Amino acid sequence: MALKTRAKKNGRSAEAEHRAILQDALKPAGDDKWKEIDRLRNELAESGRTFSDSTEFIRHDRDTR
């Protein structure tokens, strides 16, 4: 029943909705996440804010354990 309701909401047949659900589930993971990361990185760069390299902090923390 939920599939038919969702299909109607999206203007598709139940079969087309089923295919859309499968396509979304099977698309490569992270594609949208990397686009969002790039967007945020660009936004921060445009703001002029800088961030230090955390490598030294991580090494220090690791070495003191």
Protein backbone atom coordinates (compact mmCIF):
# COMPACT_ATOMS: atom_id res chain seq x y z
CA MET A 1 0.00 0.00 0.00
CA ALA A 2 2.83 2.43 0.84
CA LEU A 3 4.36 1.87 -2.60
CA LYS A 4 1.13 2.86 -4.35
CA THR A 5 0.76 5.93 -2.13
CA ARG A 6 4.34 6.99 -2.79
CA ALA A 7 3.94 6.36 -6.53
CA LYS A 8 0.80 8.47 -6.67
CA LYS A 9 2.51 11.28 -4.76
CA ASN A 10 5.39 11.23 -7.28
CA GLY A 11 3.13 10.92 -10.32
CA ARG A 12 4.38 7.46 -11.28
CA SER A 13 3.01 3.98 -11.62
CA ALA A 14 3.81 1.51 -8.85
CA GLU A 15 6.25 -0.24 -11.20
CA ALA A 16 7.99 3.05 -12.08
CA GLU A 17 8.18 3.95 -8.40
CA HIS A 18 9.70 0.55 -7.65
CA ARG A 19 12.36 1.14 -10.31
CA ALA A 20 13.07 4.63 -8.92
CA ILE A 21 13.52 3.24 -5.42
CA LEU A 22 15.93 0.59 -6.69
CA GLN A 23 17.89 3.15 -8.73
CA ASP A 24 18.27 5.40 -5.67
CA ALA A 25 19.32 2.47 -3.50
CA LEU A 26 21.86 1.17 -6.00
CA LYS A 27 23.50 4.41 -7.11
CA PRO A 28 27.12 4.72 -6.02
CA ALA A 29 27.33 5.74 -2.39
CA GLY A 30 28.78 9.11 -1.64
CA ASP A 31 28.15 10.91 -4.93
CA ASP A 32 25.86 13.46 -3.31
CA LYS A 33 28.02 13.62 -0.20
CA TRP A 34 31.12 14.60 -2.17
CA LYS A 35 29.16 17.32 -3.96
CA GLU A 36 28.05 18.68 -0.59
CA ILE A 37 31.61 18.49 0.78
CA ASP A 38 32.91 20.40 -2.25
CA ARG A 39 30.18 23.01 -1.84
CA LEU A 40 31.05 23.53 1.82
CA ARG A 41 34.78 23.64 1.08
CA ASN A 42 34.21 26.32 -1.57
CA GLU A 43 31.93 28.28 0.73
CA LEU A 44 34.56 28.27 3.48
CA ALA A 45 37.32 29.23 1.05
CA GLU A 46 35.27 32.18 -0.20
CA SER A 47 34.70 33.37 3.36
CA GLY A 48 38.46 33.69 3.84
CA ARG A 49 38.47 31.41 6.86
CA THR A 50 41.53 29.20 7.15
CA PHE A 51 42.05 25.96 8.95
CA SER A 52 45.26 24.51 10.29
CA ASP A 53 46.53 21.13 9.20
CA SER A 54 45.46 18.61 11.83
CA THR A 55 48.18 16.10 10.95
CA GLU A 56 50.53 17.20 13.72
CA PHE A 57 47.76 17.10 16.33
CA ILE A 58 46.78 13.59 15.27
CA ARG A 59 50.38 12.36 15.34
CA HIS A 60 50.96 13.88 18.75
CA ASP A 61 47.79 12.31 20.12
CA ARG A 62 48.67 8.94 18.63
CA ASP A 63 52.25 9.04 19.92
CA THR A 64 51.24 9.93 23.49
CA ARG A 65 49.03 6.89 23.90
